[in-house]
């Protein structure tokens, strides 16, 4: 199926910027909408305000990438206002403008600390407001699709942690610690981490535009095979310093103790230290998911190792200080 015009909502962010490049290279006609905008390339859109949506009426597919996702969002109510309220508004206006196709980027955060190998049938077990509101947003979109199931297409994509050039999320923070020789391994390092390279996720969204029939389609997005923390750190150190080991290592219990002490300091002095008990918990846990994408014909353009190599080279070898950066977590 070909679309006359695609609207990328929240398209000024990390994933949206990379998606726009891919769509542009493939000659798709698209428009970008975001709260951060410029008059030449970006249209203003606040998903919490229904009055903004009139600019979307000329498009026939909406890709919603907008979200409140950082760990430090305040007030907490913004998670519900943007993630859930925004979904409700999109569905209201999709009905008004007779939009039949919506692609929504959710998150594996809906599963929380899930059992290893959790796939799309996994039970929601979120532990934070981001995961909770992403799950509630999914339910809003599913209700929209079920109102006209034979004519509406809903594709929900649940990426794991996304990394890549220019991103300033948790993966970059880890790589930056390794590159600056300030990294200390916590625990045995055998815990697996599912990851997703941004150009692969963007490529799957493009693939989704033309590859599925009307109906409900839900996919975890993970670049397989998973790697464990020892492999990730060792690969990075070998690329950057030609060293094969992980460097200094401390036991997990000591890392947890340091994290809880940092929590106390953060609370007492209203600081935002780079370490916390929840970050240590996330670092030392296995977060390994399965995906049904391998049952489709999609082939990611880059392997996970190639994505890491491109990111390390861009961030720590080349001089890209003038390029745009994206703060995510």
Protein backbone atom coordinates (compact mmCIF):
# COMPACT_ATOMS: atom_id res chain seq x y z
CA UNK A 1 0.00 0.00 0.00
CA UNK A 2 1.26 3.48 -0.79
CA UNK A 3 0.39 6.53 1.28
CA UNK A 4 -0.16 10.04 0.00
CA UNK A 5 1.30 11.71 3.06
CA UNK A 6 2.77 10.48 6.35
CA UNK A 7 2.69 12.49 9.57
CA UNK A 8 5.53 11.84 12.02
CA UNK A 9 4.29 13.06 15.40
CA UNK A 10 7.12 13.76 17.82
CA UNK A 11 9.39 13.68 14.79
CA UNK A 12 12.02 16.11 16.10
CA UNK A 13 13.40 13.56 18.56
CA UNK A 14 16.14 10.98 18.16
CA UNK A 15 14.12 8.24 16.48
CA UNK A 16 12.00 10.67 14.46
CA UNK A 17 15.01 12.46 13.01
CA UNK A 18 16.52 9.17 11.85
CA UNK A 19 13.18 7.96 10.52
CA UNK A 20 12.75 11.16 8.49
CA UNK A 21 16.16 10.61 6.87
CA UNK A 22 15.23 7.06 5.89
CA UNK A 23 11.83 8.08 4.51
CA UNK A 24 13.44 10.92 2.62
CA UNK A 25 15.98 8.58 1.04
CA UNK A 26 13.13 6.25 0.04
CA UNK A 27 11.12 9.12 -1.54
CA UNK A 28 8.20 8.89 0.90
CA UNK A 29 6.15 12.05 1.31
CA UNK A 30 6.03 13.00 4.97
CA UNK A 31 5.57 15.90 7.39
CA UNK A 32 7.12 16.33 10.83
CA UNK A 33 5.14 17.55 13.83
CA UNK A 34 6.62 18.37 17.23
CA UNK A 35 6.45 20.77 20.17
CA UNK A 36 10.00 21.75 19.21
CA UNK A 37 9.66 23.25 15.78
CA UNK A 38 11.03 25.61 13.19
CA UNK A 39 8.92 27.30 10.54
CA UNK A 40 10.84 25.77 7.62
CA UNK A 41 10.88 22.06 8.44
CA UNK A 42 8.83 21.28 11.57
CA UNK A 43 5.14 21.90 12.21
CA UNK A 44 4.07 22.69 15.76
CA UNK A 45 1.95 20.07 17.48
CA UNK A 46 1.16 19.57 21.16
CA UNK A 47 -0.62 16.21 21.48
CA UNK A 48 -2.33 17.37 24.68
CA UNK A 49 -4.23 20.07 22.77
CA UNK A 50 -6.95 19.03 20.34
CA UNK A 51 -6.85 22.43 18.64
CA UNK A 52 -3.43 21.60 17.15
CA UNK A 53 -4.55 18.61 15.11
CA UNK A 54 -6.09 20.34 12.11
CA UNK A 55 -2.70 20.29 10.37
CA UNK A 56 -2.83 16.48 10.32
CA UNK A 57 -6.02 16.16 8.30
CA UNK A 58 -4.22 15.94 4.95
CA UNK A 59 -2.26 12.81 5.90
CA UNK A 60 -3.48 9.24 5.73
CA UNK A 61 -1.08 7.58 8.18
CA UNK A 62 0.09 8.83 11.57
CA UNK A 63 3.29 7.66 13.22
CA UNK A 64 3.26 8.65 16.88
CA UNK A 65 6.71 8.86 18.45
CA UNK A 66 5.84 11.52 21.03
CA UNK A 67 6.22 10.61 24.70
CA UNK A 68 7.26 11.66 28.15
CA UNK A 69 10.00 9.13 28.80
CA UNK A 70 12.79 10.48 31.01
CA UNK A 71 13.17 9.17 34.57
CA UNK A 72 13.02 12.66 36.07
CA UNK A 73 9.78 14.07 34.58
CA UNK A 74 8.05 16.50 36.93
CA UNK A 75 5.23 16.79 37.67
CA UNK A 76 4.50 13.08 37.47
CA UNK A 77 1.09 13.88 35.95
CA UNK A 78 2.84 14.76 32.66
CA UNK A 79 3.26 11.04 31.93
CA UNK A 80 -0.52 10.64 31.88
CA UNK A 81 -1.22 13.95 30.16
CA UNK A 82 1.16 13.32 27.26
CA UNK A 83 1.35 9.54 26.90
CA UNK A 84 -2.26 8.61 27.67
CA UNK A 85 -4.05 11.90 27.01
CA UNK A 86 -2.11 12.33 23.78
CA UNK A 87 -3.17 8.87 22.63
CA UNK A 88 -6.82 9.67 23.35
CA UNK A 89 -6.56 12.91 21.39
CA UNK A 90 -4.92 11.19 18.44
CA UNK A 91 -7.66 8.59 18.29
CA UNK A 92 -10.40 11.22 18.55
CA UNK A 93 -8.90 13.16 15.66
CA UNK A 94 -8.10 10.03 13.64
CA UNK A 95 -11.81 9.24 13.68
CA UNK A 96 -12.66 12.82 12.75
CA UNK A 97 -10.28 12.87 9.78
CA UNK A 98 -10.91 9.23 8.83
CA UNK A 99 -7.28 8.17 9.28
CA UNK A 100 -7.08 4.40 8.88
CA UNK A 101 -3.44 3.66 9.81
CA UNK A 102 -1.59 4.47 13.03
CA UNK A 103 1.90 3.32 13.99
CA UNK A 104 2.64 3.77 17.70
CA UNK A 105 6.02 3.33 19.35
CA UNK A 106 5.42 1.89 22.78
CA UNK A 107 8.20 0.30 24.86
CA UNK A 108 9.32 -2.96 26.44
CA UNK A 109 9.06 -0.92 29.67
CA UNK A 110 5.48 -2.20 29.86
CA UNK A 111 6.94 -5.60 30.87
CA UNK A 112 9.06 -4.22 33.73
CA UNK A 113 11.72 -6.61 35.02
CA UNK A 114 10.34 -9.39 32.84
CA UNK A 115 11.45 -13.03 32.66
CA UNK A 116 14.23 -13.67 30.16
CA UNK A 117 12.86 -14.26 26.67
CA UNK A 118 9.58 -12.39 27.18
CA UNK A 119 7.85 -11.96 23.83
CA UNK A 120 4.81 -9.99 22.68
CA UNK A 121 2.53 -12.25 24.72
CA UNK A 122 4.29 -11.30 27.96
CA UNK A 123 2.24 -9.94 30.85
CA UNK A 124 2.49 -6.21 31.63
CA UNK A 125 4.45 -5.74 34.86
CA UNK A 126 5.68 -2.14 34.66
CA UNK A 127 7.53 -0.62 37.60
CA UNK A 128 7.43 3.07 36.67
CA UNK A 129 5.05 5.68 35.29
CA UNK A 130 6.61 5.56 31.85
CA UNK A 131 5.86 1.85 31.43
CA UNK A 132 2.42 2.23 32.99
CA UNK A 133 1.35 5.06 30.70
CA UNK A 134 2.78 3.42 27.60
CA UNK A 135 0.66 0.37 28.37
CA UNK A 136 -2.44 2.50 28.94
CA UNK A 137 -1.76 4.31 25.66
CA UNK A 138 -1.62 0.96 23.85
CA UNK A 139 -5.08 0.13 25.21
CA UNK A 140 -6.41 3.44 23.87
CA UNK A 141 -5.09 2.70 20.38
CA UNK A 142 -6.35 -0.88 20.46
CA UNK A 143 -9.83 0.34 21.34
CA UNK A 144 -9.66 2.72 18.34
CA UNK A 145 -8.67 -0.11 16.00
CA UNK A 146 -11.39 -2.46 17.28
CA UNK A 147 -14.11 0.04 16.43
CA UNK A 148 -13.49 -0.69 12.73
CA UNK A 149 -11.22 -3.75 12.68
CA UNK A 150 -11.55 -4.60 8.99
CA UNK A 151 -10.57 -1.12 7.77
CA UNK A 152 -8.14 0.15 10.40
CA UNK A 153 -4.49 -0.80 10.77
CA UNK A 154 -2.66 -0.41 14.09
CA UNK A 155 1.00 -1.29 14.42
CA UNK A 156 2.43 -1.14 17.94
CA UNK A 157 6.21 -1.34 18.15
CA UNK A 158 7.81 -1.93 21.56
CA UNK A 159 11.51 -1.15 21.23
CA UNK A 160 14.04 -2.08 23.85
CA UNK A 161 16.66 0.55 24.76
CA UNK A 162 17.55 2.48 21.59
CA UNK A 163 21.07 3.75 20.99
CA UNK A 164 22.98 5.37 18.15
CA UNK A 165 24.86 8.40 16.95
CA UNK A 166 23.95 11.59 18.79
CA UNK A 167 21.82 9.96 21.47
CA UNK A 168 22.41 10.90 25.11
CA UNK A 169 20.58 8.07 26.83
CA UNK A 170 21.75 5.29 29.12
CA UNK A 171 23.79 3.45 26.49
CA UNK A 172 25.74 6.61 25.67
CA UNK A 173 26.33 7.22 29.38
CA UNK A 174 27.82 3.75 29.68
CA UNK A 175 29.97 4.13 26.55
CA UNK A 176 31.10 7.57 27.68
CA UNK A 177 32.21 6.19 31.07
CA UNK A 178 34.19 3.50 29.27
CA UNK A 179 35.73 6.01 26.84
CA UNK A 180 36.71 8.36 29.68
CA UNK A 181 38.19 5.44 31.67
CA UNK A 182 35.82 6.07 34.59
CA UNK A 183 33.83 2.87 34.19
CA UNK A 184 33.64 0.26 36.93
CA UNK A 185 31.91 -3.04 36.21
CA UNK A 186 29.31 -3.96 38.83
CA UNK A 187 28.59 -7.64 39.31
CA UNK A 188 29.61 -10.66 37.27
CA UNK A 189 28.53 -9.12 33.96
CA UNK A 190 26.80 -12.24 32.64
CA UNK A 191 23.41 -10.51 32.54
CA UNK A 192 22.11 -10.10 28.99
CA UNK A 193 20.89 -6.82 27.55
CA UNK A 194 18.50 -6.50 24.63
CA UNK A 195 19.39 -3.43 22.57
CA UNK A 196 18.21 -1.70 19.41
CA UNK A 197 20.24 0.40 16.98
CA UNK A 198 18.27 3.48 15.95
CA UNK A 199 18.63 3.04 12.18
CA UNK A 200 17.32 -0.50 12.46
CA UNK A 201 14.26 0.61 14.44
CA UNK A 202 13.60 3.41 11.94
CA UNK A 203 13.99 0.93 9.08
CA UNK A 204 11.43 -1.38 10.66
CA UNK A 205 8.95 1.49 10.95
CA UNK A 206 9.44 2.19 7.25
CA UNK A 207 9.01 -1.52 6.53
CA UNK A 208 5.77 -1.50 8.53
CA UNK A 209 4.27 1.15 6.28
CA UNK A 210 3.88 -1.25 3.36
CA UNK A 211 4.13 -4.76 4.78
CA UNK A 212 1.03 -5.48 6.89
CA UNK A 213 -2.67 -5.79 6.18
CA UNK A 214 -5.40 -4.06 8.13
CA UNK A 215 -5.67 -5.30 11.70
CA UNK A 216 -3.66 -5.19 14.92
CA UNK A 217 0.06 -5.93 14.78
CA UNK A 218 2.30 -5.84 17.86
CA UNK A 219 6.08 -6.30 17.79
CA UNK A 220 8.90 -6.08 20.28
CA UNK A 221 11.90 -4.53 18.57
CA UNK A 222 15.25 -6.05 19.52
CA UNK A 223 18.44 -6.46 17.51
CA UNK A 224 19.36 -10.09 18.02
CA UNK A 225 21.40 -11.82 19.24
CA UNK A 226 21.54 -10.26 22.72
CA UNK A 227 24.90 -9.58 24.29
CA UNK A 228 25.81 -9.59 27.97
CA UNK A 229 27.50 -6.76 29.85
CA UNK A 230 30.93 -8.40 29.71
CA UNK A 231 30.68 -8.63 25.92
CA UNK A 232 29.41 -5.05 25.55
CA UNK A 233 32.14 -3.56 27.74
CA UNK A 234 34.88 -5.76 26.29
CA UNK A 235 33.90 -4.88 22.72
CA UNK A 236 33.89 -1.16 23.53
CA UNK A 237 37.26 -1.29 25.29
CA UNK A 238 38.78 -3.26 22.44
CA UNK A 239 37.49 -0.77 19.87
CA UNK A 240 38.62 2.28 21.85
CA UNK A 241 41.81 1.09 23.56
CA UNK A 242 42.58 -2.31 22.00
CA UNK A 243 42.09 -3.90 25.44
CA UNK A 244 40.18 -7.14 25.77
CA UNK A 245 39.02 -7.16 29.41
CA UNK A 246 36.34 -5.19 31.28
CA UNK A 247 38.70 -3.38 33.65
CA UNK A 248 37.88 -2.80 37.34
CA UNK A 249 35.03 -4.87 38.78
CA UNK A 250 33.15 -4.64 42.11
CA UNK A 251 30.54 -7.02 43.62
CA UNK A 252 26.87 -6.30 42.99
CA UNK A 253 26.06 -5.83 46.70
CA UNK A 254 28.63 -3.05 46.92
CA UNK A 255 27.18 -1.37 43.84
CA UNK A 256 23.69 -1.52 45.37
CA UNK A 257 24.99 0.02 48.60
CA UNK A 258 26.63 2.87 46.68
CA UNK A 259 23.43 3.40 44.73
CA UNK A 260 21.30 3.64 47.88
CA UNK A 261 23.78 6.07 49.41
CA UNK A 262 23.48 8.19 46.23
CA UNK A 263 19.66 8.03 46.58
CA UNK A 264 19.98 9.52 50.07
CA UNK A 265 22.26 12.31 48.85
CA UNK A 266 19.89 13.04 45.96
CA UNK A 267 16.95 13.23 48.37
CA UNK A 268 18.67 15.35 51.03
CA UNK A 269 20.26 17.88 48.69
CA UNK A 270 17.92 17.70 45.68
CA UNK A 271 20.76 16.63 43.41
CA UNK A 272 20.81 14.45 40.29
CA UNK A 273 23.85 12.23 40.68
CA UNK A 274 24.62 9.92 37.73
CA UNK A 275 24.24 6.85 39.95
CA UNK A 276 21.18 5.60 41.84
CA UNK A 277 19.93 2.30 43.23
CA UNK A 278 17.47 1.87 40.36
CA UNK A 279 20.24 2.48 37.80
CA UNK A 280 22.43 -0.15 39.49
CA UNK A 281 19.44 -2.49 39.56
CA UNK A 282 18.83 -1.96 35.84
CA UNK A 283 22.53 -2.37 35.02
CA UNK A 284 22.88 -5.72 36.79
CA UNK A 285 19.56 -7.24 35.71
CA UNK A 286 19.05 -9.33 32.59
CA UNK A 287 16.68 -7.53 30.23
CA UNK A 288 16.39 -9.97 27.36
CA UNK A 289 13.31 -10.05 25.14
CA UNK A 290 12.19 -12.07 22.17
CA UNK A 291 10.43 -10.73 19.09
CA UNK A 292 8.15 -12.06 16.38
CA UNK A 293 9.82 -9.75 13.81
CA UNK A 294 11.92 -12.73 12.74
CA UNK A 295 8.68 -14.23 11.41
CA UNK A 296 8.43 -11.36 8.92
CA UNK A 297 10.67 -10.69 5.92
CA UNK A 298 12.33 -7.70 7.60
CA UNK A 299 16.13 -7.76 7.66
CA UNK A 300 17.81 -5.04 9.75
CA UNK A 301 20.38 -3.12 7.71
CA UNK A 302 22.98 -3.27 10.51
CA UNK A 303 24.06 -5.92 12.98
CA UNK A 304 24.18 -4.96 16.65
CA UNK A 305 27.98 -5.01 16.51
CA UNK A 306 27.96 -2.69 13.47
CA UNK A 307 25.61 -0.31 15.30
CA UNK A 308 27.94 -0.20 18.30
CA UNK A 309 30.96 0.33 16.08
CA UNK A 310 29.29 3.20 14.22
CA UNK A 311 28.21 4.80 17.50
CA UNK A 312 31.61 4.49 19.17
CA UNK A 313 33.35 5.87 16.11
CA UNK A 314 30.92 8.80 15.79
CA UNK A 315 31.02 9.74 19.46
CA UNK A 316 34.61 9.10 20.51
CA UNK A 317 36.82 8.96 17.41
CA UNK A 318 35.40 11.46 14.91
CA UNK A 319 34.76 15.11 15.67
CA UNK A 320 31.00 15.55 15.50
CA UNK A 321 30.76 18.27 18.14
CA UNK A 322 28.76 20.49 15.77
CA UNK A 323 26.11 17.83 15.12
CA UNK A 324 22.72 17.69 16.83
CA UNK A 325 22.40 15.67 20.02
CA UNK A 326 19.32 14.16 21.65
CA UNK A 327 18.79 13.83 25.39
CA UNK A 328 16.51 10.91 26.22
CA UNK A 329 17.15 9.58 29.76
